[in-house]
Amino acid sequence: MYDLVIRSARVLAEQGFIPAAVAIAGGVIRAIAPVDAPLAARQDVTLPVGQVLQPGIVDTHVHVNEPGRTDWEGFASATRAAAAGGVTTIIDMPLNSIPPTTTVPALELKRAAAAPQATVDVGFWGGAIPGTLGSLRPLHDAGVFGFKAFLSPSGVDEFPHLSSEQLEAAATEIAGFGGLLVVHAEDPSVLESAENAGGTGYRDFVASRPDAAEDAAIARVIAVVRRTGVRAHILHLSSALVLPRLAAARAEGLPITVETCPHYLSFAAESIADGATAFKCCPPIRGEDNRDLLWQGLADGVIDLIASDHSPATRELKLGHGGDFGLAWGGISGLQLSLPAVWTAARARGLTLEQVLHWMSRATADFVGLPAGRIRVGAAADLVAFAPEEVFTVDVDTLRHKNRVSAFDGATLIGRVHTTWLAGNVIYAFDDTTFDGSDASARPPAGRMLTAR
């Protein structure tokens, strides 16, 4: 007797989409059988025509901000938004919480905040800042998935960036215990030389964070990887100018992985109006030709994965400066919309849903060493019923993010999440209001707190 059987004409199994029945017991997939197999279960669900069964999205780049800046976002709202977007695992960044996750006590605070509130599984990145160099091993041993470093100012005082010498020291230290270094790669000297007076002009904002800033910083990371052997990851690649450099480093055998984000794949500078600070992020959204090359970088395998870089703030911080890009918070809220946004753009380019799920589920899970992102016997039953041809218009007032501000507001997207299961339990249902967070007694089961292996 299984707890649950889910049947669908299209199930993304290891060999691709197949008609199948997925049998679940104890939160784990126990069998994958023919779609009409006689399987005894306490609950037997057949997905409607037009819905596919796919693995949950694993989002490895999320800023939850709790504790300390919970008015920006928190674990309750962020993980409800994740579930509504088909995301079953998030890895939380060490900033913009106060304190940042740069010590073991700070990590314990994060876990204590997340555990009673989380709708989805949650893991944590640690941070490498000047004041903690030489003492990163305890955080590694406590189960963080790696260490984030900035090469330019982060935007918050409690998370300072690393100089060139400090980056070398951090890489040497992290390589010594087999850890992972993840890098916000913009060069501060290039940014300083490109600085302008800000204002409402979007092109002026892009000019203040040029491709050269990413190129110089990534060249520095590659050199450090070559010298130290540290495993490194380039976060939120915006500039396609750097792709040949990264391809050469990969051909050399250097252990470097690369991500880009839904907003870089969905939007282009030519379509962003002056004063539209909802689109501000760092590094910035660049031009149409650049966007095309990022998609080519994914197809070529130079870019490994897609993660949201969900970086929310209050409405006032994001929109309350009269459209001045120099003053607005730089971050895009996209956690709930990442899957349909990427699928919409990929579908228009003739790419497949299997490719999108590879970049957003399997590759992200593999990147952080989690046995997620697959529908196979023995895997956790973290699953999503997704309607890949269903069209909807984004209304920020319906999003589950704490602050309902998003660059995707008003966008027409294709692909709707109908049901999300975590370990075989429904944590989101599109047509069921008990999952909207309004009734605490109906809150979905708590997510698991994850540690790196």
Protein backbone atom coordinates (compact mmCIF):
# COMPACT_ATOMS: atom_id res chain seq x y z
CA MET A 1 0.00 0.00 0.00
CA TYR A 2 1.54 3.28 -1.16
CA ASP A 3 0.73 6.64 0.38
CA LEU A 4 0.24 8.31 -2.99
CA VAL A 5 0.26 7.45 -6.67
CA ILE A 6 0.47 10.23 -9.26
CA ARG A 7 -0.34 9.31 -12.86
CA SER A 8 0.38 11.44 -15.90
CA ALA A 9 0.70 11.03 -19.65
CA ARG A 10 3.98 12.97 -19.33
CA VAL A 11 6.35 12.27 -16.44
CA LEU A 12 9.93 13.50 -16.66
CA ALA A 13 11.78 10.31 -15.78
CA GLU A 14 15.47 9.64 -16.32
CA GLN A 15 14.90 8.75 -19.97
CA GLY A 16 12.74 11.80 -20.72
CA PHE A 17 9.00 12.40 -20.70
CA ILE A 18 7.03 9.13 -20.54
CA PRO A 19 3.52 8.09 -19.53
CA ALA A 20 3.91 6.73 -16.01
CA ALA A 21 2.53 6.22 -12.53
CA VAL A 22 4.80 7.41 -9.73
CA ALA A 23 4.25 5.54 -6.46
CA ILE A 24 5.27 7.23 -3.20
CA ALA A 25 5.58 5.96 0.36
CA GLY A 26 7.28 7.63 3.32
CA GLY A 27 8.04 10.70 1.24
CA VAL A 28 10.16 8.70 -1.23
CA ILE A 29 9.50 7.51 -4.78
CA ARG A 30 9.21 3.71 -4.46
CA ALA A 31 8.19 2.76 -8.01
CA ILE A 32 7.75 4.17 -11.50
CA ALA A 33 5.26 1.99 -13.33
CA PRO A 34 3.16 2.07 -16.50
CA VAL A 35 0.58 4.84 -16.31
CA ASP A 36 -2.35 2.40 -15.89
CA ALA A 37 -0.59 -0.05 -13.53
CA PRO A 38 -2.81 -1.38 -10.73
CA LEU A 39 -1.12 0.18 -7.68
CA ALA A 40 -2.82 0.20 -4.29
CA ALA A 41 -2.55 3.62 -2.63
CA ARG A 42 -4.30 5.71 -0.01
CA GLN A 43 -4.56 8.46 -2.62
CA ASP A 44 -4.48 8.02 -6.39
CA VAL A 45 -4.18 11.21 -8.48
CA THR A 46 -4.36 11.46 -12.27
CA LEU A 47 -3.12 14.75 -13.67
CA PRO A 48 -5.45 16.39 -16.19
CA VAL A 49 -4.57 16.52 -19.86
CA GLY A 50 -2.12 19.40 -20.33
CA GLN A 51 -0.26 18.93 -17.06
CA VAL A 52 3.10 17.21 -16.77
CA LEU A 53 4.79 15.77 -13.70
CA GLN A 54 8.30 17.11 -13.21
CA PRO A 55 10.87 17.33 -10.42
CA GLY A 56 10.80 20.35 -8.13
CA ILE A 57 13.03 23.29 -8.99
CA VAL A 58 16.22 23.65 -6.94
CA ASP A 59 17.03 27.35 -6.60
CA THR A 60 20.59 27.81 -5.39
CA HIS A 61 20.57 31.63 -5.18
CA VAL A 62 17.93 33.15 -2.90
CA HIS A 63 18.16 36.10 -0.49
CA VAL A 64 15.63 35.51 2.29
CA ASN A 65 17.02 38.29 4.58
CA GLU A 66 15.77 36.85 7.87
CA PRO A 67 16.72 37.66 10.61
CA GLY A 68 17.41 41.39 10.60
CA ARG A 69 15.69 42.51 7.40
CA THR A 70 12.54 40.43 7.58
CA ASP A 71 10.53 43.43 6.38
CA TRP A 72 12.27 42.82 3.02
CA GLU A 73 11.48 39.08 2.98
CA GLY A 74 11.33 36.20 5.45
CA PHE A 75 11.32 32.42 5.46
CA ALA A 76 7.52 32.18 5.72
CA SER A 77 6.83 34.39 2.71
CA ALA A 78 9.84 33.33 0.64
CA THR A 79 9.18 29.61 0.95
CA ARG A 80 5.45 30.01 0.26
CA ALA A 81 6.40 31.92 -2.89
CA ALA A 82 8.88 29.19 -3.77
CA ALA A 83 6.25 26.47 -3.44
CA ALA A 84 3.84 28.45 -5.62
CA GLY A 85 6.56 28.63 -8.26
CA GLY A 86 7.33 24.91 -8.24
CA VAL A 87 10.53 25.39 -6.21
CA THR A 88 11.03 22.67 -3.60
CA THR A 89 14.57 23.57 -2.45
CA ILE A 90 16.24 26.93 -1.87
CA ILE A 91 19.80 27.70 -0.79
CA ASP A 92 19.80 30.96 1.17
CA MET A 93 22.52 33.55 0.63
CA PRO A 94 24.50 34.84 3.66
CA LEU A 95 23.30 38.42 3.12
CA ASN A 96 21.19 40.62 3.49
CA SER A 97 20.28 39.23 6.88
CA ILE A 98 21.62 40.75 10.09
CA PRO A 99 23.85 39.15 11.15
CA PRO A 100 25.09 37.73 7.86
CA THR A 101 25.89 34.02 7.81
CA THR A 102 29.62 34.44 8.41
CA THR A 103 29.90 32.55 11.73
CA VAL A 104 28.48 29.36 13.19
CA PRO A 105 26.27 31.28 15.68
CA ALA A 106 24.84 33.30 12.80
CA LEU A 107 24.12 30.08 10.90
CA GLU A 108 22.35 28.71 13.96
CA LEU A 109 20.20 31.84 14.07
CA LYS A 110 19.26 31.32 10.42
CA ARG A 111 18.33 27.70 10.98
CA ALA A 112 16.29 28.57 14.07
CA ALA A 113 14.40 31.20 12.08
CA ALA A 114 13.80 28.96 9.07
CA ALA A 115 12.93 25.63 10.66
CA PRO A 116 9.46 26.41 12.06
CA GLN A 117 8.41 28.50 9.04
CA ALA A 118 9.79 26.84 5.92
CA THR A 119 7.37 25.37 3.40
CA VAL A 120 10.23 24.01 1.24
CA ASP A 121 13.65 22.55 1.96
CA VAL A 122 16.27 25.15 2.91
CA GLY A 123 20.06 25.06 2.85
CA PHE A 124 22.50 27.86 3.56
CA TRP A 125 25.55 29.49 2.03
CA GLY A 126 28.24 30.90 4.30
CA GLY A 127 30.04 34.16 3.69
CA ALA A 128 33.73 35.00 3.25
CA ILE A 129 34.42 38.55 4.40
CA PRO A 130 37.68 40.16 5.50
CA GLY A 131 37.00 39.67 9.20
CA THR A 132 36.40 35.92 8.99
CA LEU A 133 39.32 34.85 6.80
CA GLY A 134 41.33 32.15 8.50
CA SER A 135 38.28 30.86 10.38
CA LEU A 136 36.01 29.54 7.61
CA ARG A 137 36.41 25.83 8.39
CA PRO A 138 33.92 25.76 11.30
CA LEU A 139 31.13 27.03 9.02
CA HIS A 140 32.06 24.40 6.45
CA ASP A 141 31.93 21.71 9.12
CA ALA A 142 28.55 23.03 10.28
CA GLY A 143 27.09 22.26 6.86
CA VAL A 144 27.04 25.38 4.70
CA PHE A 145 27.15 24.63 0.98
CA GLY A 146 30.02 27.00 0.26
CA PHE A 147 31.20 30.57 0.76
CA LYS A 148 30.02 33.67 -1.00
CA ALA A 149 32.43 36.54 -1.61
CA PHE A 150 32.00 39.93 -3.23
CA LEU A 151 34.80 41.50 -5.23
CA SER A 152 33.07 44.91 -5.14
CA PRO A 153 30.90 46.58 -2.48
CA SER A 154 27.87 44.43 -1.65
CA GLY A 155 25.46 47.24 -0.87
CA VAL A 156 25.26 46.44 2.85
CA ASP A 157 27.91 47.48 5.37
CA GLU A 158 27.94 44.22 7.33
CA PHE A 159 29.15 42.22 4.30
CA PRO A 160 32.32 43.94 3.00
CA HIS A 161 34.02 42.82 -0.19
CA LEU A 162 37.39 41.11 -0.55
CA SER A 163 40.48 42.74 -1.99
CA SER A 164 42.62 40.83 -4.47
CA GLU A 165 44.91 39.63 -1.67
CA GLN A 166 41.96 38.62 0.48
CA LEU A 167 40.37 36.71 -2.39
CA GLU A 168 43.61 34.75 -2.77
CA ALA A 169 43.65 34.01 0.96
CA ALA A 170 40.02 32.92 0.99
CA ALA A 171 40.53 30.67 -2.05
CA THR A 172 43.59 29.05 -0.50
CA GLU A 173 41.76 28.44 2.76
CA ILE A 174 38.62 27.05 1.11
CA ALA A 175 40.64 24.81 -1.22
CA GLY A 176 42.39 23.41 1.85
CA PHE A 177 39.21 21.81 3.13
CA GLY A 178 37.63 21.04 -0.24
CA GLY A 179 35.00 23.78 -0.09
CA LEU A 180 33.27 25.86 -2.73
CA LEU A 181 33.78 29.58 -3.39
CA VAL A 182 30.89 31.44 -5.05
CA VAL A 183 31.65 34.92 -6.31
CA HIS A 184 29.85 38.14 -7.13
CA ALA A 185 32.30 39.12 -9.84
CA GLU A 186 32.46 42.84 -10.64
CA ASP A 187 35.74 44.72 -10.46
CA PRO A 188 35.65 47.71 -8.06
CA SER A 189 38.22 49.76 -9.93
CA VAL A 190 36.26 49.46 -13.18
CA LEU A 191 33.05 50.38 -11.35
CA GLU A 192 34.74 53.37 -9.77
CA SER A 193 36.00 54.62 -13.12
CA ALA A 194 32.54 54.17 -14.68
CA GLU A 195 30.61 55.78 -11.84
CA ASN A 196 28.17 58.49 -12.87
CA ALA A 197 25.62 60.75 -11.21
CA GLY A 198 22.82 58.19 -11.34
CA GLY A 199 19.42 59.51 -12.29
CA THR A 200 16.49 58.01 -14.13
CA GLY A 201 18.21 56.96 -17.36
CA TYR A 202 18.45 53.20 -17.67
CA ARG A 203 21.26 53.38 -20.20
CA ASP A 204 23.22 55.57 -17.79
CA PHE A 205 22.79 52.89 -15.14
CA VAL A 206 24.07 50.16 -17.47
CA ALA A 207 27.03 52.37 -18.39
CA SER A 208 27.90 52.64 -14.69
CA ARG A 209 28.33 48.84 -14.48
CA PRO A 210 29.97 47.96 -17.81
CA ASP A 211 30.85 44.55 -19.22
CA ALA A 212 34.47 45.33 -18.41
CA ALA A 213 33.71 45.12 -14.68
CA GLU A 214 32.59 41.50 -15.01
CA ASP A 215 35.39 40.66 -17.42
CA ALA A 216 38.15 41.98 -15.15
CA ALA A 217 36.72 40.34 -12.04
CA ILE A 218 36.19 36.97 -13.70
CA ALA A 219 39.72 37.06 -15.09
CA ARG A 220 40.91 37.54 -11.50
CA VAL A 221 38.81 34.59 -10.27
CA ILE A 222 40.17 32.36 -13.04
CA ALA A 223 43.74 33.27 -12.10
CA VAL A 224 43.06 32.49 -8.44
CA VAL A 225 41.50 29.14 -9.33
CA ARG A 226 44.52 28.31 -11.45
CA ARG A 227 46.89 29.08 -8.57
CA THR A 228 44.95 27.54 -5.68
CA GLY A 229 42.84 24.78 -7.22
CA VAL A 230 39.74 26.03 -5.39
CA ARG A 231 36.39 25.06 -6.86
CA ALA A 232 34.70 28.34 -7.85
CA HIS A 233 31.33 29.44 -9.15
CA ILE A 234 30.48 32.67 -10.95
CA LEU A 235 27.17 34.03 -9.74
CA HIS A 236 24.56 35.81 -11.92
CA LEU A 237 26.56 36.18 -15.11
CA SER A 238 25.17 39.17 -16.98
CA SER A 239 27.82 39.90 -19.60
CA ALA A 240 28.17 37.56 -22.57
CA LEU A 241 31.49 39.28 -23.32
CA VAL A 242 33.07 36.97 -20.75
CA LEU A 243 31.87 33.71 -22.27
CA PRO A 244 35.01 33.05 -24.40
CA ARG A 245 37.20 33.61 -21.34
CA LEU A 246 35.10 31.17 -19.32
CA ALA A 247 35.04 28.63 -22.14
CA ALA A 248 38.85 28.74 -22.31
CA ALA A 249 39.11 28.24 -18.54
CA ARG A 250 36.80 25.26 -18.72
CA ALA A 251 38.79 23.80 -21.65
CA GLU A 252 41.87 24.16 -19.48
CA GLY A 253 40.17 21.92 -16.93
CA LEU A 254 39.73 24.56 -14.24
CA PRO A 255 36.96 23.76 -11.74
CA ILE A 256 34.69 26.73 -12.52
CA THR A 257 30.93 26.69 -12.90
CA VAL A 258 28.69 29.53 -14.05
CA GLU A 259 25.09 30.62 -13.54
CA THR A 260 22.81 33.16 -15.10
CA CYS A 261 19.35 34.33 -14.05
CA PRO A 262 15.78 34.50 -15.38
CA HIS A 263 15.83 38.30 -15.67
CA TYR A 264 18.93 38.28 -17.88
CA LEU A 265 17.27 35.69 -20.13
CA SER A 266 13.86 37.40 -20.21
CA PHE A 267 14.50 41.13 -20.51
CA ALA A 268 16.70 43.42 -22.61
CA ALA A 269 17.93 46.93 -21.99
CA GLU A 270 16.23 48.25 -25.12
CA SER A 271 12.82 47.53 -23.57
CA ILE A 272 13.45 48.97 -20.10
CA ALA A 273 12.02 52.44 -19.63
CA ASP A 274 13.84 55.26 -17.89
CA GLY A 275 12.86 55.38 -14.24
CA ALA A 276 11.77 51.70 -14.18
CA THR A 277 13.78 50.81 -11.08
CA ALA A 278 11.90 47.51 -10.67
CA PHE A 279 14.44 46.27 -13.27
CA LYS A 280 17.55 47.41 -11.38
CA CYS A 281 19.95 44.61 -10.52
CA CYS A 282 23.72 44.29 -10.26
CA PRO A 283 25.23 43.40 -12.66
CA PRO A 284 22.60 44.94 -14.91
CA ILE A 285 20.28 43.61 -17.58
CA ARG A 286 22.10 44.32 -20.86
CA GLY A 287 21.06 44.45 -24.51
CA GLU A 288 19.21 42.06 -26.81
CA ASP A 289 22.34 40.77 -28.53
CA ASN A 290 23.87 40.06 -25.13
CA ARG A 291 20.74 38.14 -24.09
CA ASP A 292 20.93 36.01 -27.24
CA LEU A 293 24.54 35.14 -26.44
CA LEU A 294 23.65 34.13 -22.87
CA TRP A 295 21.12 31.66 -24.26
CA GLN A 296 23.82 30.38 -26.61
CA GLY A 297 26.15 30.03 -23.62
CA LEU A 298 23.58 27.77 -21.95
CA ALA A 299 23.17 25.71 -25.10
CA ASP A 300 26.94 25.38 -25.46
CA GLY A 301 27.40 24.35 -21.83
CA VAL A 302 29.58 27.31 -20.88
CA ILE A 303 26.82 28.43 -18.52
CA ASP A 304 25.83 25.52 -16.30
CA LEU A 305 22.64 26.53 -14.58
CA ILE A 306 19.92 29.09 -13.94
CA ALA A 307 19.08 30.43 -10.47
CA SER A 308 16.75 33.24 -9.51
CA ASP A 309 18.98 35.58 -7.47
CA HIS A 310 15.73 36.54 -5.71
CA SER A 311 16.82 39.76 -3.99
CA PRO A 312 13.79 41.56 -2.59
CA ALA A 313 13.47 44.80 -0.67
CA THR A 314 10.64 46.99 0.55
CA ARG A 315 8.55 48.87 -1.97
CA GLU A 316 10.00 52.14 -0.71
CA LEU A 317 13.61 51.02 -1.23
CA LYS A 318 12.84 49.67 -4.69
CA LEU A 319 10.46 52.25 -6.09
CA GLY A 320 10.50 55.19 -3.70
CA HIS A 321 13.30 57.30 -5.16
CA GLY A 322 11.55 58.91 -8.09
CA GLY A 323 13.00 56.46 -10.57
CA ASP A 324 16.62 57.23 -9.69
CA PHE A 325 18.69 54.14 -10.48
CA GLY A 326 21.51 55.44 -8.32
CA LEU A 327 19.34 55.31 -5.21
CA ALA A 328 16.99 52.36 -5.75
CA TRP A 329 17.80 48.94 -4.28
CA GLY A 330 19.50 46.68 -6.80
CA GLY A 331 17.73 43.35 -6.83
CA ILE A 332 14.87 41.58 -8.58
CA SER A 333 12.11 39.57 -6.90
CA GLY A 334 11.54 36.56 -9.10
CA LEU A 335 11.46 33.42 -6.96
CA GLN A 336 7.81 32.54 -7.63
CA LEU A 337 8.08 33.32 -11.35
CA SER A 338 11.46 31.85 -12.32
CA LEU A 339 10.17 28.64 -13.88
CA PRO A 340 7.45 30.15 -16.08
CA ALA A 341 9.68 33.10 -17.01
CA VAL A 342 12.53 30.91 -18.21
CA TRP A 343 10.18 28.44 -19.90
CA THR A 344 8.40 31.29 -21.73
CA ALA A 345 11.68 32.62 -23.11
CA ALA A 346 13.09 29.17 -23.87
CA ARG A 347 9.93 28.00 -25.62
CA ALA A 348 10.05 31.04 -27.90
CA ARG A 349 13.55 29.96 -28.92
CA GLY A 350 12.52 26.40 -29.74
CA LEU A 351 14.12 24.92 -26.63
CA THR A 352 12.50 22.10 -24.69
CA LEU A 353 11.07 21.86 -21.19
CA GLU A 354 13.59 19.07 -20.53
CA GLN A 355 16.42 21.54 -21.17
CA VAL A 356 14.90 24.14 -18.87
CA LEU A 357 14.46 21.59 -16.09
CA HIS A 358 18.02 20.42 -16.54
CA TRP A 359 19.32 23.95 -15.98
CA MET A 360 16.96 24.75 -13.09
CA SER A 361 16.61 21.43 -11.30
CA ARG A 362 19.10 18.71 -12.12
CA ALA A 363 22.14 20.95 -12.72
CA THR A 364 21.43 23.10 -9.67
CA ALA A 365 21.01 20.03 -7.46
CA ASP A 366 24.23 18.52 -8.79
CA PHE A 367 26.03 21.84 -8.27
CA VAL A 368 25.36 21.79 -4.51
CA GLY A 369 25.61 18.02 -4.17
CA LEU A 370 21.96 17.29 -3.41
CA PRO A 371 20.17 14.12 -4.58
CA ALA A 372 17.29 16.22 -5.88
CA GLY A 373 16.09 17.37 -9.27
CA ARG A 374 15.14 13.92 -10.60
CA ILE A 375 12.16 11.61 -10.69
CA ARG A 376 13.65 8.20 -9.98
CA VAL A 377 13.18 5.36 -7.53
CA GLY A 378 14.75 6.23 -4.18
CA ALA A 379 14.54 10.00 -4.67
CA ALA A 380 12.51 12.27 -2.43
CA ALA A 381 9.04 12.85 -3.84
CA ASP A 382 9.59 16.57 -4.49
CA LEU A 383 7.34 16.97 -7.50
CA VAL A 384 5.43 19.56 -9.52
CA ALA A 385 2.34 19.37 -11.70
CA PHE A 386 3.05 21.97 -14.39
CA ALA A 387 0.89 23.07 -17.31
CA PRO A 388 3.45 24.12 -19.93
CA GLU A 389 0.94 25.61 -22.40
CA GLU A 390 -1.20 27.59 -19.94
CA VAL A 391 -0.94 31.36 -20.39
CA PHE A 392 -1.30 33.93 -17.60
CA THR A 393 -0.53 37.56 -16.92
CA VAL A 394 1.56 38.37 -13.85
CA ASP A 395 -0.22 40.45 -11.21
CA VAL A 396 2.14 41.34 -8.36
CA ASP A 397 -0.79 41.51 -5.95
CA THR A 398 -1.24 37.75 -6.30
CA LEU A 399 2.40 36.89 -5.56
CA ARG A 400 3.41 35.41 -2.23
CA HIS A 401 6.59 37.48 -1.85
CA LYS A 402 6.38 39.74 1.21
CA ASN A 403 6.83 42.89 -0.88
CA ARG A 404 4.84 42.55 -4.06
CA VAL A 405 7.21 44.33 -6.38
CA SER A 406 8.60 42.59 -9.43
CA ALA A 407 10.07 43.39 -12.83
CA PHE A 408 7.73 40.69 -14.18
CA ASP A 409 4.57 42.60 -13.21
CA GLY A 410 2.24 42.68 -16.21
CA ALA A 411 4.27 40.16 -18.22
CA THR A 412 2.46 37.46 -20.16
CA LEU A 413 4.03 34.12 -19.25
CA ILE A 414 3.42 30.58 -20.43
CA GLY A 415 3.39 27.71 -17.96
CA ARG A 416 1.53 27.52 -14.66
CA VAL A 417 2.34 25.52 -11.55
CA HIS A 418 -0.81 23.69 -10.39
CA THR A 419 0.46 21.50 -7.55
CA THR A 420 3.72 21.19 -5.65
CA TRP A 421 4.56 18.21 -3.46
CA LEU A 422 7.39 18.09 -0.91
CA ALA A 423 8.22 14.53 0.20
CA GLY A 424 4.85 13.49 -1.16
CA ASN A 425 2.85 16.13 0.73
CA VAL A 426 1.00 18.92 -1.07
CA ILE A 427 2.58 22.26 -0.17
CA TYR A 428 0.87 24.30 -2.90
CA ALA A 429 -2.31 23.87 -4.89
CA PHE A 430 -3.33 26.56 -7.36
CA ASP A 431 -7.07 26.06 -6.82
CA ASP A 432 -6.97 25.65 -3.02
CA THR A 433 -7.02 28.82 -0.88
CA THR A 434 -5.77 26.98 2.21
CA PHE A 435 -2.32 27.29 0.68
CA ASP A 436 -2.34 31.07 0.38
CA GLY A 437 -0.83 31.60 3.83
CA SER A 438 -3.93 33.30 5.26
CA ASP A 439 -4.74 30.45 7.65
CA ALA A 440 -1.82 29.51 9.89
CA SER A 441 -3.55 26.28 10.95
CA ALA A 442 -3.56 25.17 7.30
CA ARG A 443 0.12 25.92 6.75
CA PRO A 444 1.82 23.19 4.70
CA PRO A 445 4.29 20.81 6.34
CA ALA A 446 7.66 22.24 7.34
CA GLY A 447 10.56 21.93 4.94
CA ARG A 448 13.75 20.18 5.91
CA MET A 449 16.92 22.02 6.96
CA LEU A 450 19.65 20.82 4.59
CA THR A 451 23.36 20.48 5.20
CA ALA A 452 26.11 19.98 2.66
CA ARG A 453 27.45 16.47 2.36
